[in-house]
Amino acid sequence: MKRRVLIKHLKKNRCKFLREGKKHTIYFNPKLRKVSTIPRHTEISDKLARKICKDLGVPPL
């Protein structure tokens, strides 16, 4: 899955950009107060994308 598709899905589910790390982007779900990191690769495995969605409490893609 493309990274930009995952980020678009997270933003649609009201997750907010928190900050940039050296190799990751950190997103925050203000409603559930959960945080997850997204690696800065153009392709992200489907398994990792499901884990990120689960960590943030949003439905999987």
N, C-alpha and C. Protein backbone atom coordinates (compact mmCIF):
# COMPACT_ATOMS: atom_id res chain seq x y z
N MET A 1 0.84 -1.17 0.00
CA MET A 1 0.00 0.00 0.00
C MET A 1 0.89 1.24 0.00
N LYS A 2 0.44 2.24 -0.67
CA LYS A 2 1.19 3.50 -0.72
C LYS A 2 1.02 4.25 0.60
N ARG A 3 2.08 4.91 1.02
CA ARG A 3 2.08 5.67 2.27
C ARG A 3 1.05 6.79 2.24
N ARG A 4 0.95 7.46 1.11
CA ARG A 4 0.02 8.59 1.03
C ARG A 4 -1.43 8.14 1.14
N VAL A 5 -1.75 6.92 0.70
CA VAL A 5 -3.11 6.39 0.83
C VAL A 5 -3.42 6.14 2.30
N LEU A 6 -2.46 5.59 3.04
CA LEU A 6 -2.65 5.35 4.46
C LEU A 6 -2.84 6.66 5.22
N ILE A 7 -2.02 7.66 4.92
CA ILE A 7 -2.13 8.96 5.61
C ILE A 7 -3.47 9.62 5.30
N LYS A 8 -3.92 9.51 4.07
CA LYS A 8 -5.23 10.07 3.69
C LYS A 8 -6.34 9.39 4.48
N HIS A 9 -6.24 8.07 4.66
CA HIS A 9 -7.22 7.32 5.44
C HIS A 9 -7.21 7.77 6.90
N LEU A 10 -6.03 7.98 7.46
CA LEU A 10 -5.92 8.41 8.85
C LEU A 10 -6.52 9.81 9.04
N LYS A 11 -6.23 10.71 8.12
CA LYS A 11 -6.78 12.06 8.21
C LYS A 11 -8.30 12.06 8.08
N LYS A 12 -8.81 11.18 7.22
CA LYS A 12 -10.26 11.06 7.05
C LYS A 12 -10.92 10.60 8.35
N ASN A 13 -10.19 9.82 9.14
CA ASN A 13 -10.70 9.32 10.42
C ASN A 13 -10.26 10.19 11.59
N ARG A 14 -9.97 11.46 11.31
CA ARG A 14 -9.68 12.51 12.30
C ARG A 14 -8.40 12.31 13.10
N CYS A 15 -7.41 11.61 12.52
CA CYS A 15 -6.11 11.53 13.17
C CYS A 15 -5.30 12.75 12.75
N LYS A 16 -4.50 13.27 13.64
CA LYS A 16 -3.75 14.49 13.40
C LYS A 16 -2.26 14.20 13.32
N PHE A 17 -1.59 14.98 12.48
CA PHE A 17 -0.13 14.93 12.41
C PHE A 17 0.41 15.50 13.72
N LEU A 18 1.32 14.78 14.36
CA LEU A 18 1.89 15.24 15.62
C LEU A 18 3.27 15.84 15.41
N ARG A 19 4.18 15.04 14.80
CA ARG A 19 5.53 15.55 14.54
C ARG A 19 6.26 14.62 13.59
N GLU A 20 7.39 15.09 13.11
CA GLU A 20 8.27 14.28 12.26
C GLU A 20 9.43 13.78 13.10
N GLY A 21 9.77 12.54 12.95
CA GLY A 21 10.97 11.99 13.55
C GLY A 21 12.05 11.92 12.49
N LYS A 22 13.13 11.23 12.77
CA LYS A 22 14.20 11.14 11.79
C LYS A 22 13.79 10.24 10.62
N LYS A 23 13.16 9.10 10.93
CA LYS A 23 12.77 8.16 9.88
C LYS A 23 11.28 7.83 9.90
N HIS A 24 10.51 8.48 10.78
CA HIS A 24 9.10 8.19 10.92
C HIS A 24 8.29 9.48 11.06
N THR A 25 7.00 9.37 10.77
CA THR A 25 6.04 10.44 11.00
C THR A 25 5.11 9.95 12.10
N ILE A 26 4.81 10.79 13.05
CA ILE A 26 3.99 10.39 14.18
C ILE A 26 2.61 11.01 14.04
N TYR A 27 1.57 10.16 14.13
CA TYR A 27 0.18 10.60 14.07
C TYR A 27 -0.50 10.31 15.39
N PHE A 28 -1.52 11.13 15.71
CA PHE A 28 -2.18 11.11 17.00
C PHE A 28 -3.69 11.10 16.79
N ASN A 29 -4.39 10.26 17.53
CA ASN A 29 -5.85 10.25 17.50
C ASN A 29 -6.32 10.98 18.76
N PRO A 30 -6.76 12.23 18.63
CA PRO A 30 -7.13 13.03 19.82
C PRO A 30 -8.34 12.48 20.57
N LYS A 31 -9.25 11.82 19.87
CA LYS A 31 -10.45 11.29 20.52
C LYS A 31 -10.10 10.16 21.49
N LEU A 32 -9.21 9.26 21.06
CA LEU A 32 -8.83 8.11 21.89
C LEU A 32 -7.49 8.31 22.59
N ARG A 33 -6.81 9.42 22.27
CA ARG A 33 -5.50 9.74 22.84
C ARG A 33 -4.49 8.63 22.60
N LYS A 34 -4.42 8.18 21.34
CA LYS A 34 -3.48 7.13 20.95
C LYS A 34 -2.51 7.67 19.91
N VAL A 35 -1.29 7.14 19.92
CA VAL A 35 -0.22 7.60 19.04
C VAL A 35 0.35 6.40 18.28
N SER A 36 0.75 6.62 17.02
CA SER A 36 1.42 5.59 16.24
C SER A 36 2.39 6.24 15.27
N THR A 37 3.42 5.49 14.90
CA THR A 37 4.42 5.99 13.96
C THR A 37 4.22 5.36 12.60
N ILE A 38 4.51 6.13 11.55
CA ILE A 38 4.41 5.66 10.18
C ILE A 38 5.78 5.84 9.54
N PRO A 39 6.38 4.74 9.05
CA PRO A 39 7.70 4.87 8.43
C PRO A 39 7.63 5.68 7.15
N ARG A 40 8.74 6.30 6.80
CA ARG A 40 8.79 7.13 5.59
C ARG A 40 9.27 6.33 4.39
N HIS A 41 8.55 5.26 4.08
CA HIS A 41 8.80 4.48 2.87
C HIS A 41 7.64 4.74 1.93
N THR A 42 7.87 4.66 0.63
CA THR A 42 6.76 4.89 -0.30
C THR A 42 5.77 3.74 -0.24
N GLU A 43 6.24 2.53 0.05
CA GLU A 43 5.37 1.36 0.18
C GLU A 43 5.38 0.88 1.62
N ILE A 44 4.20 0.63 2.15
CA ILE A 44 4.05 0.09 3.50
C ILE A 44 3.28 -1.21 3.36
N SER A 45 3.75 -2.26 4.04
CA SER A 45 3.08 -3.56 3.94
C SER A 45 1.66 -3.46 4.51
N ASP A 46 0.79 -4.32 3.99
CA ASP A 46 -0.61 -4.31 4.44
C ASP A 46 -0.70 -4.69 5.91
N LYS A 47 0.15 -5.59 6.35
CA LYS A 47 0.15 -6.01 7.76
C LYS A 47 0.49 -4.83 8.67
N LEU A 48 1.50 -4.05 8.29
CA LEU A 48 1.89 -2.88 9.08
C LEU A 48 0.79 -1.81 9.05
N ALA A 49 0.15 -1.64 7.90
CA ALA A 49 -0.94 -0.65 7.79
C ALA A 49 -2.09 -1.02 8.72
N ARG A 50 -2.43 -2.32 8.79
CA ARG A 50 -3.49 -2.76 9.71
C ARG A 50 -3.09 -2.50 11.16
N LYS A 51 -1.81 -2.73 11.50
CA LYS A 51 -1.34 -2.50 12.85
C LYS A 51 -1.41 -1.02 13.22
N ILE A 52 -1.02 -0.15 12.29
CA ILE A 52 -1.08 1.30 12.54
C ILE A 52 -2.53 1.72 12.78
N CYS A 53 -3.45 1.23 11.95
CA CYS A 53 -4.87 1.55 12.13
C CYS A 53 -5.37 1.04 13.47
N LYS A 54 -4.98 -0.16 13.85
CA LYS A 54 -5.39 -0.72 15.14
C LYS A 54 -4.83 0.10 16.29
N ASP A 55 -3.56 0.51 16.19
CA ASP A 55 -2.93 1.32 17.23
C ASP A 55 -3.66 2.64 17.43
N LEU A 56 -4.15 3.23 16.33
CA LEU A 56 -4.83 4.52 16.41
C LEU A 56 -6.33 4.41 16.64
N GLY A 57 -6.85 3.18 16.60
CA GLY A 57 -8.28 2.97 16.85
C GLY A 57 -9.17 3.37 15.69
N VAL A 58 -8.67 3.25 14.46
CA VAL A 58 -9.47 3.55 13.28
C VAL A 58 -9.73 2.25 12.52
N PRO A 59 -10.80 2.18 11.71
CA PRO A 59 -11.05 0.96 10.95
C PRO A 59 -9.95 0.71 9.93
N PRO A 60 -9.60 -0.56 9.69
CA PRO A 60 -8.56 -0.87 8.71
C PRO A 60 -9.02 -0.57 7.29
N LEU A 61 -8.05 -0.42 6.42
CA LEU A 61 -8.37 -0.15 5.01
C LEU A 61 -8.90 -1.38 4.33
